[in-house]
């Protein structure tokens, strides 16, 4: 996984919210409440997974800019 600075900051912000939810799930699992614990754990994991793999409207311009920069950089290297 090749993360830039903004991607790393975004992942850190997501983890700030996802880790307490997942830890609550682990605590509930250890307390014997499997349904509640599993639910909280699943929500915590989904928060990170969806943030990483889901494309949002703000991601589209950034991806377009990366493609343009990539094409420009490739053409200079090939010459």
PDB file of N, CA and C in Angstrom:
ATOM      1  N   UNK A   1       0.852  -1.160   0.000  1.00  0.00           N
ATOM      2  CA  UNK A   1       0.000   0.000   0.000  1.00  0.00           C
ATOM      3  C   UNK A   1       0.904   1.230   0.000  1.00  0.00           C
ATOM      4  N   UNK A   2       0.762   2.060  -1.020  1.00  0.00           N
ATOM      5  CA  UNK A   2       1.592   3.240  -1.177  1.00  0.00           C
ATOM      6  C   UNK A   2       0.778   4.467  -0.772  1.00  0.00           C
ATOM      7  N   UNK A   3       0.962   4.953   0.453  1.00  0.00           N
ATOM      8  CA  UNK A   3       0.177   6.067   0.961  1.00  0.00           C
ATOM      9  C   UNK A   3       0.972   7.357   0.898  1.00  0.00           C
ATOM     10  N   UNK A   4       0.287   8.424   0.475  1.00  0.00           N
ATOM     11  CA  UNK A   4       0.883   9.747   0.517  1.00  0.00           C
ATOM     12  C   UNK A   4       0.655  10.367   1.887  1.00  0.00           C
ATOM     13  N   UNK A   5       1.055  11.602   2.018  1.00  0.00           N
ATOM     14  CA  UNK A   5       0.915  12.289   3.302  1.00  0.00           C
ATOM     15  C   UNK A   5      -0.550  12.464   3.673  1.00  0.00           C
ATOM     16  N   UNK A   6      -1.362  12.926   2.721  1.00  0.00           N
ATOM     17  CA  UNK A   6      -2.779  13.137   3.017  1.00  0.00           C
ATOM     18  C   UNK A   6      -3.504  11.830   3.294  1.00  0.00           C
ATOM     19  N   UNK A   7      -3.123  10.763   2.584  1.00  0.00           N
ATOM     20  CA  UNK A   7      -3.731   9.456   2.836  1.00  0.00           C
ATOM     21  C   UNK A   7      -3.384   8.950   4.233  1.00  0.00           C
ATOM     22  N   UNK A   8      -2.166   9.187   4.663  1.00  0.00           N
ATOM     23  CA  UNK A   8      -1.738   8.761   5.995  1.00  0.00           C
ATOM     24  C   UNK A   8      -2.487   9.524   7.083  1.00  0.00           C
ATOM     25  N   UNK A   9      -2.643  10.822   6.893  1.00  0.00           N
ATOM     26  CA  UNK A   9      -3.386  11.631   7.866  1.00  0.00           C
ATOM     27  C   UNK A   9      -4.847  11.198   7.901  1.00  0.00           C
ATOM     28  N   UNK A  10      -5.414  10.915   6.745  1.00  0.00           N
ATOM     29  CA  UNK A  10      -6.803  10.461   6.680  1.00  0.00           C
ATOM     30  C   UNK A  10      -6.981   9.115   7.383  1.00  0.00           C
ATOM     31  N   UNK A  11      -6.034   8.208   7.182  1.00  0.00           N
ATOM     32  CA  UNK A  11      -6.093   6.913   7.860  1.00  0.00           C
ATOM     33  C   UNK A  11      -5.967   7.082   9.369  1.00  0.00           C
ATOM     34  N   UNK A  12      -5.082   7.960   9.807  1.00  0.00           N
ATOM     35  CA  UNK A  12      -4.920   8.206  11.243  1.00  0.00           C
ATOM     36  C   UNK A  12      -6.197   8.777  11.853  1.00  0.00           C
ATOM     37  N   UNK A  13      -6.849   9.691  11.142  1.00  0.00           N
ATOM     38  CA  UNK A  13      -8.105  10.261  11.641  1.00  0.00           C
ATOM     39  C   UNK A  13      -9.193   9.196  11.730  1.00  0.00           C
ATOM     40  N   UNK A  14      -9.235   8.301  10.767  1.00  0.00           N
ATOM     41  CA  UNK A  14     -10.214   7.217  10.807  1.00  0.00           C
ATOM     42  C   UNK A  14      -9.931   6.284  11.974  1.00  0.00           C
ATOM     43  N   UNK A  15      -8.664   5.978  12.204  1.00  0.00           N
ATOM     44  CA  UNK A  15      -8.307   5.087  13.310  1.00  0.00           C
ATOM     45  C   UNK A  15      -8.635   5.691  14.668  1.00  0.00           C
ATOM     46  N   UNK A  16      -8.579   7.018  14.769  1.00  0.00           N
ATOM     47  CA  UNK A  16      -8.937   7.684  16.033  1.00  0.00           C
ATOM     48  C   UNK A  16     -10.372   7.347  16.415  1.00  0.00           C
ATOM     49  N   UNK A  17     -11.251   7.235  15.422  1.00  0.00           N
ATOM     50  CA  UNK A  17     -12.651   6.922  15.704  1.00  0.00           C
ATOM     51  C   UNK A  17     -12.926   5.418  15.704  1.00  0.00           C
ATOM     52  N   UNK A  18     -12.209   4.653  14.892  1.00  0.00           N
ATOM     53  CA  UNK A  18     -12.500   3.229  14.751  1.00  0.00           C
ATOM     54  C   UNK A  18     -11.932   2.388  15.895  1.00  0.00           C
ATOM     55  N   UNK A  19     -10.767   2.751  16.410  1.00  0.00           N
ATOM     56  CA  UNK A  19     -10.157   1.940  17.469  1.00  0.00           C
ATOM     57  C   UNK A  19     -10.979   1.879  18.756  1.00  0.00           C
ATOM     58  N   UNK A  20     -11.541   2.986  19.250  1.00  0.00           N
ATOM     59  CA  UNK A  20     -12.372   2.859  20.456  1.00  0.00           C
ATOM     60  C   UNK A  20     -13.601   1.970  20.249  1.00  0.00           C
ATOM     61  N   UNK A  21     -14.187   2.033  19.064  1.00  0.00           N
ATOM     62  CA  UNK A  21     -15.350   1.186  18.774  1.00  0.00           C
ATOM     63  C   UNK A  21     -14.929  -0.279  18.764  1.00  0.00           C
ATOM     64  N   UNK A  22     -13.803  -0.576  18.112  1.00  0.00           N
ATOM     65  CA  UNK A  22     -13.322  -1.955  18.057  1.00  0.00           C
ATOM     66  C   UNK A  22     -12.914  -2.459  19.444  1.00  0.00           C
ATOM     67  N   UNK A  23     -12.283  -1.608  20.243  1.00  0.00           N
ATOM     68  CA  UNK A  23     -11.900  -2.015  21.601  1.00  0.00           C
ATOM     69  C   UNK A  23     -13.122  -2.274  22.480  1.00  0.00           C
ATOM     70  N   UNK A  24     -14.166  -1.485  22.295  1.00  0.00           N
ATOM     71  CA  UNK A  24     -15.411  -1.754  23.013  1.00  0.00           C
ATOM     72  C   UNK A  24     -15.961  -3.118  22.612  1.00  0.00           C
ATOM     73  N   UNK A  25     -15.851  -3.434  21.323  1.00  0.00           N
ATOM     74  CA  UNK A  25     -16.281  -4.746  20.857  1.00  0.00           C
ATOM     75  C   UNK A  25     -15.493  -5.872  21.492  1.00  0.00           C
ATOM     76  N   UNK A  26     -14.193  -5.694  21.611  1.00  0.00           N
ATOM     77  CA  UNK A  26     -13.351  -6.714  22.241  1.00  0.00           C
ATOM     78  C   UNK A  26     -13.723  -6.866  23.715  1.00  0.00           C
ATOM     79  N   UNK A  27     -13.946  -5.754  24.404  1.00  0.00           N
ATOM     80  CA  UNK A  27     -14.348  -5.822  25.813  1.00  0.00           C
ATOM     81  C   UNK A  27     -15.670  -6.561  25.980  1.00  0.00           C
ATOM     82  N   UNK A  28     -16.624  -6.281  25.108  1.00  0.00           N
ATOM     83  CA  UNK A  28     -17.923  -6.950  25.194  1.00  0.00           C
ATOM     84  C   UNK A  28     -17.784  -8.435  24.878  1.00  0.00           C
ATOM     85  N   UNK A  29     -16.907  -8.780  23.923  1.00  0.00           N
ATOM     86  CA  UNK A  29     -16.674 -10.192  23.626  1.00  0.00           C
ATOM     87  C   UNK A  29     -16.082 -10.910  24.836  1.00  0.00           C
ATOM     88  N   UNK A  30     -15.125 -10.277  25.494  1.00  0.00           N
ATOM     89  CA  UNK A  30     -14.514 -10.887  26.676  1.00  0.00           C
ATOM     90  C   UNK A  30     -15.485 -10.972  27.846  1.00  0.00           C
ATOM     91  N   UNK A  31     -16.488 -10.085  27.866  1.00  0.00           N
ATOM     92  CA  UNK A  31     -17.492 -10.114  28.927  1.00  0.00           C
ATOM     93  C   UNK A  31     -18.588 -11.140  28.648  1.00  0.00           C
ATOM     94  N   UNK A  32     -18.525 -11.783  27.480  1.00  0.00           N
ATOM     95  CA  UNK A  32     -19.499 -12.819  27.170  1.00  0.00           C
ATOM     96  C   UNK A  32     -20.665 -12.356  26.321  1.00  0.00           C
ATOM     97  N   UNK A  33     -20.696 -11.111  25.933  1.00  0.00           N
ATOM     98  CA  UNK A  33     -21.770 -10.593  25.081  1.00  0.00           C
ATOM     99  C   UNK A  33     -21.315 -10.674  23.625  1.00  0.00           C
ATOM    100  N   UNK A  34     -21.466 -11.864  23.043  1.00  0.00           N
ATOM    101  CA  UNK A  34     -20.889 -12.108  21.723  1.00  0.00           C
ATOM    102  C   UNK A  34     -21.566 -11.312  20.618  1.00  0.00           C
ATOM    103  N   UNK A  35     -22.872 -11.158  20.659  1.00  0.00           N
ATOM    104  CA  UNK A  35     -23.566 -10.440  19.593  1.00  0.00           C
ATOM    105  C   UNK A  35     -23.202  -8.956  19.600  1.00  0.00           C
ATOM    106  N   UNK A  36     -23.250  -8.341  20.761  1.00  0.00           N
ATOM    107  CA  UNK A  36     -22.917  -6.917  20.878  1.00  0.00           C
ATOM    108  C   UNK A  36     -21.438  -6.698  20.577  1.00  0.00           C
ATOM    109  N   UNK A  37     -20.579  -7.537  21.143  1.00  0.00           N
ATOM    110  CA  UNK A  37     -19.143  -7.403  20.913  1.00  0.00           C
ATOM    111  C   UNK A  37     -18.767  -7.599  19.459  1.00  0.00           C
ATOM    112  N   UNK A  38     -19.340  -8.615  18.846  1.00  0.00           N
ATOM    113  CA  UNK A  38     -19.070  -8.849  17.427  1.00  0.00           C
ATOM    114  C   UNK A  38     -19.568  -7.717  16.557  1.00  0.00           C
ATOM    115  N   UNK A  39     -20.708  -7.146  16.930  1.00  0.00           N
ATOM    116  CA  UNK A  39     -21.245  -6.010  16.175  1.00  0.00           C
ATOM    117  C   UNK A  39     -20.342  -4.794  16.248  1.00  0.00           C
ATOM    118  N   UNK A  40     -19.896  -4.454  17.454  1.00  0.00           N
ATOM    119  CA  UNK A  40     -18.998  -3.305  17.599  1.00  0.00           C
ATOM    120  C   UNK A  40     -17.659  -3.545  16.901  1.00  0.00           C
ATOM    121  N   UNK A  41     -17.160  -4.753  16.995  1.00  0.00           N
ATOM    122  CA  UNK A  41     -15.900  -5.076  16.337  1.00  0.00           C
ATOM    123  C   UNK A  41     -16.045  -4.974  14.819  1.00  0.00           C
ATOM    124  N   UNK A  42     -17.154  -5.459  14.291  1.00  0.00           N
ATOM    125  CA  UNK A  42     -17.402  -5.370  12.850  1.00  0.00           C
ATOM    126  C   UNK A  42     -17.533  -3.918  12.395  1.00  0.00           C
ATOM    127  N   UNK A  43     -18.202  -3.090  13.187  1.00  0.00           N
ATOM    128  CA  UNK A  43     -18.342  -1.670  12.835  1.00  0.00           C
ATOM    129  C   UNK A  43     -16.978  -0.989  12.815  1.00  0.00           C
ATOM    130  N   UNK A  44     -16.138  -1.276  13.787  1.00  0.00           N
ATOM    131  CA  UNK A  44     -14.798  -0.684  13.826  1.00  0.00           C
ATOM    132  C   UNK A  44     -13.959  -1.076  12.621  1.00  0.00           C
ATOM    133  N   UNK A  45     -14.020  -2.338  12.251  1.00  0.00           N
ATOM    134  CA  UNK A  45     -13.267  -2.803  11.084  1.00  0.00           C
ATOM    135  C   UNK A  45     -13.830  -2.192   9.809  1.00  0.00           C
ATOM    136  N   UNK A  46     -15.147  -2.145   9.689  1.00  0.00           N
ATOM    137  CA  UNK A  46     -15.767  -1.567   8.494  1.00  0.00           C
ATOM    138  C   UNK A  46     -15.453  -0.087   8.332  1.00  0.00           C
ATOM    139  N   UNK A  47     -15.308   0.630   9.434  1.00  0.00           N
ATOM    140  CA  UNK A  47     -14.964   2.050   9.338  1.00  0.00           C
ATOM    141  C   UNK A  47     -13.635   2.236   8.614  1.00  0.00           C
ATOM    142  N   UNK A  48     -12.667   1.404   8.925  1.00  0.00           N
ATOM    143  CA  UNK A  48     -11.353   1.522   8.288  1.00  0.00           C
ATOM    144  C   UNK A  48     -11.400   0.999   6.854  1.00  0.00           C
ATOM    145  N   UNK A  49     -12.041  -0.138   6.655  1.00  0.00           N
ATOM    146  CA  UNK A  49     -12.088  -0.743   5.322  1.00  0.00           C
ATOM    147  C   UNK A  49     -12.808   0.164   4.336  1.00  0.00           C
ATOM    148  N   UNK A  50     -13.952   0.692   4.727  1.00  0.00           N
ATOM    149  CA  UNK A  50     -14.700   1.555   3.815  1.00  0.00           C
ATOM    150  C   UNK A  50     -13.961   2.854   3.528  1.00  0.00           C
ATOM    151  N   UNK A  51     -13.276   3.392   4.508  1.00  0.00           N
ATOM    152  CA  UNK A  51     -12.528   4.632   4.277  1.00  0.00           C
ATOM    153  C   UNK A  51     -11.395   4.395   3.293  1.00  0.00           C
ATOM    154  N   UNK A  52     -10.782   3.230   3.332  1.00  0.00           N
ATOM    155  CA  UNK A  52      -9.651   2.948   2.447  1.00  0.00           C
ATOM    156  C   UNK A  52     -10.090   2.584   1.038  1.00  0.00           C
ATOM    157  N   UNK A  53     -11.183   1.846   0.889  1.00  0.00           N
ATOM    158  CA  UNK A  53     -11.530   1.300  -0.414  1.00  0.00           C
ATOM    159  C   UNK A  53     -12.679   2.004  -1.105  1.00  0.00           C
ATOM    160  N   UNK A  54     -13.422   2.817  -0.399  1.00  0.00           N
ATOM    161  CA  UNK A  54     -14.570   3.493  -0.993  1.00  0.00           C
ATOM    162  C   UNK A  54     -14.114   4.795  -1.634  1.00  0.00           C
ATOM    163  N   UNK A  55     -14.533   5.020  -2.868  1.00  0.00           N
ATOM    164  CA  UNK A  55     -14.187   6.260  -3.564  1.00  0.00           C
ATOM    165  C   UNK A  55     -15.270   7.287  -3.281  1.00  0.00           C
ATOM    166  N   UNK A  56     -14.874   8.425  -2.759  1.00  0.00           N
ATOM    167  CA  UNK A  56     -15.818   9.498  -2.461  1.00  0.00           C
ATOM    168  C   UNK A  56     -15.696  10.586  -3.523  1.00  0.00           C
ATOM    169  N   UNK A  57     -16.661  11.486  -3.604  1.00  0.00           N
ATOM    170  CA  UNK A  57     -16.578  12.558  -4.604  1.00  0.00           C
ATOM    171  C   UNK A  57     -15.326  13.421  -4.474  1.00  0.00           C
ATOM    172  N   UNK A  58     -14.776  13.540  -3.288  1.00  0.00           N
ATOM    173  CA  UNK A  58     -13.555  14.339  -3.137  1.00  0.00           C
ATOM    174  C   UNK A  58     -12.323  13.595  -3.634  1.00  0.00           C
ATOM    175  N   UNK A  59     -12.404  12.264  -3.775  1.00  0.00           N
ATOM    176  CA  UNK A  59     -11.271  11.485  -4.263  1.00  0.00           C
ATOM    177  C   UNK A  59     -11.096  11.587  -5.774  1.00  0.00           C
ATOM    178  N   UNK A  60     -12.171  11.882  -6.499  1.00  0.00           N
ATOM    179  CA  UNK A  60     -12.120  11.885  -7.960  1.00  0.00           C
ATOM    180  C   UNK A  60     -11.142  12.936  -8.494  1.00  0.00           C
ATOM    181  N   UNK A  61     -11.199  14.208  -8.054  1.00  0.00           N
ATOM    182  CA  UNK A  61     -10.217  15.172  -8.566  1.00  0.00           C
ATOM    183  C   UNK A  61      -8.776  14.811  -8.203  1.00  0.00           C
ATOM    184  N   UNK A  62      -8.574  14.257  -7.031  1.00  0.00           N
ATOM    185  CA  UNK A  62      -7.217  13.872  -6.624  1.00  0.00           C
ATOM    186  C   UNK A  62      -6.688  12.745  -7.504  1.00  0.00           C
ATOM    187  N   UNK A  63      -7.526  11.767  -7.818  1.00  0.00           N
ATOM    188  CA  UNK A  63      -7.098  10.674  -8.690  1.00  0.00           C
ATOM    189  C   UNK A  63      -6.809  11.179 -10.095  1.00  0.00           C
ATOM    190  N   UNK A  64      -7.631  12.111 -10.586  1.00  0.00           N
ATOM    191  CA  UNK A  64      -7.394  12.676 -11.913  1.00  0.00           C
ATOM    192  C   UNK A  64      -6.068  13.427 -11.950  1.00  0.00           C
ATOM    193  N   UNK A  65      -5.775  14.182 -10.913  1.00  0.00           N
ATOM    194  CA  UNK A  65      -4.511  14.922 -10.861  1.00  0.00           C
ATOM    195  C   UNK A  65      -3.321  13.969 -10.800  1.00  0.00           C
ATOM    196  N   UNK A  66      -3.449  12.872 -10.060  1.00  0.00           N
ATOM    197  CA  UNK A  66      -2.352  11.907  -9.981  1.00  0.00           C
ATOM    198  C   UNK A  66      -2.099  11.250 -11.332  1.00  0.00           C
ATOM    199  N   UNK A  67      -3.169  10.978 -12.088  1.00  0.00           N
ATOM    200  CA  UNK A  67      -3.001  10.387 -13.417  1.00  0.00           C
ATOM    201  C   UNK A  67      -2.287  11.347 -14.356  1.00  0.00           C
ATOM    202  N   UNK A  68      -2.676  12.623 -14.309  1.00  0.00           N
ATOM    203  CA  UNK A  68      -2.038  13.617 -15.176  1.00  0.00           C
ATOM    204  C   UNK A  68      -0.561  13.754 -14.820  1.00  0.00           C
ATOM    205  N   UNK A  69      -0.267  13.858 -13.539  1.00  0.00           N
ATOM    206  CA  UNK A  69       1.125  13.979 -13.108  1.00  0.00           C
ATOM    207  C   UNK A  69       1.901  12.722 -13.485  1.00  0.00           C
ATOM    208  N   UNK A  70       1.285  11.574 -13.346  1.00  0.00           N
ATOM    209  CA  UNK A  70       1.948  10.323 -13.713  1.00  0.00           C
ATOM    210  C   UNK A  70       2.271  10.259 -15.190  1.00  0.00           C
ATOM    211  N   UNK A  71       1.374  10.730 -16.039  1.00  0.00           N
ATOM    212  CA  UNK A  71       1.634  10.734 -17.481  1.00  0.00           C
ATOM    213  C   UNK A  71       2.745  11.701 -17.837  1.00  0.00           C
ATOM    214  N   UNK A  72       2.749  12.857 -17.219  1.00  0.00           N
ATOM    215  CA  UNK A  72       3.797  13.841 -17.500  1.00  0.00           C
ATOM    216  C   UNK A  72       5.153  13.305 -17.051  1.00  0.00           C
ATOM    217  N   UNK A  73       5.199  12.710 -15.883  1.00  0.00           N
ATOM    218  CA  UNK A  73       6.457  12.181 -15.360  1.00  0.00           C
ATOM    219  C   UNK A  73       6.949  11.010 -16.204  1.00  0.00           C
ATOM    220  N   UNK A  74       6.049  10.155 -16.688  1.00  0.00           N
ATOM    221  CA  UNK A  74       6.443   9.023 -17.516  1.00  0.00           C
ATOM    222  C   UNK A  74       7.016   9.487 -18.842  1.00  0.00           C
ATOM    223  N   UNK A  75       6.430  10.517 -19.436  1.00  0.00           N
ATOM    224  CA  UNK A  75       6.921  10.967 -20.738  1.00  0.00           C
ATOM    225  C   UNK A  75       8.327  11.548 -20.627  1.00  0.00           C
ATOM    226  N   UNK A  76       8.678  12.182 -19.512  1.00  0.00           N
ATOM    227  CA  UNK A  76      10.023  12.709 -19.329  1.00  0.00           C
ATOM    228  C   UNK A  76      11.040  11.582 -19.139  1.00  0.00           C
ATOM    229  N   UNK A  77      10.659  10.528 -18.449  1.00  0.00           N
ATOM    230  CA  UNK A  77      11.579   9.424 -18.190  1.00  0.00           C
ATOM    231  C   UNK A  77      11.856   8.601 -19.442  1.00  0.00           C
ATOM    232  N   UNK A  78      10.878   8.499 -20.332  1.00  0.00           N
ATOM    233  CA  UNK A  78      11.031   7.670 -21.519  1.00  0.00           C
ATOM    234  C   UNK A  78      11.952   8.301 -22.551  1.00  0.00           C
ATOM    235  N   UNK A  79      12.138   9.593 -22.510  1.00  0.00           N
ATOM    236  CA  UNK A  79      12.963  10.268 -23.520  1.00  0.00           C
ATOM    237  C   UNK A  79      14.405  10.107 -23.300  1.00  0.00           C
TER     238      UNK A  79
END
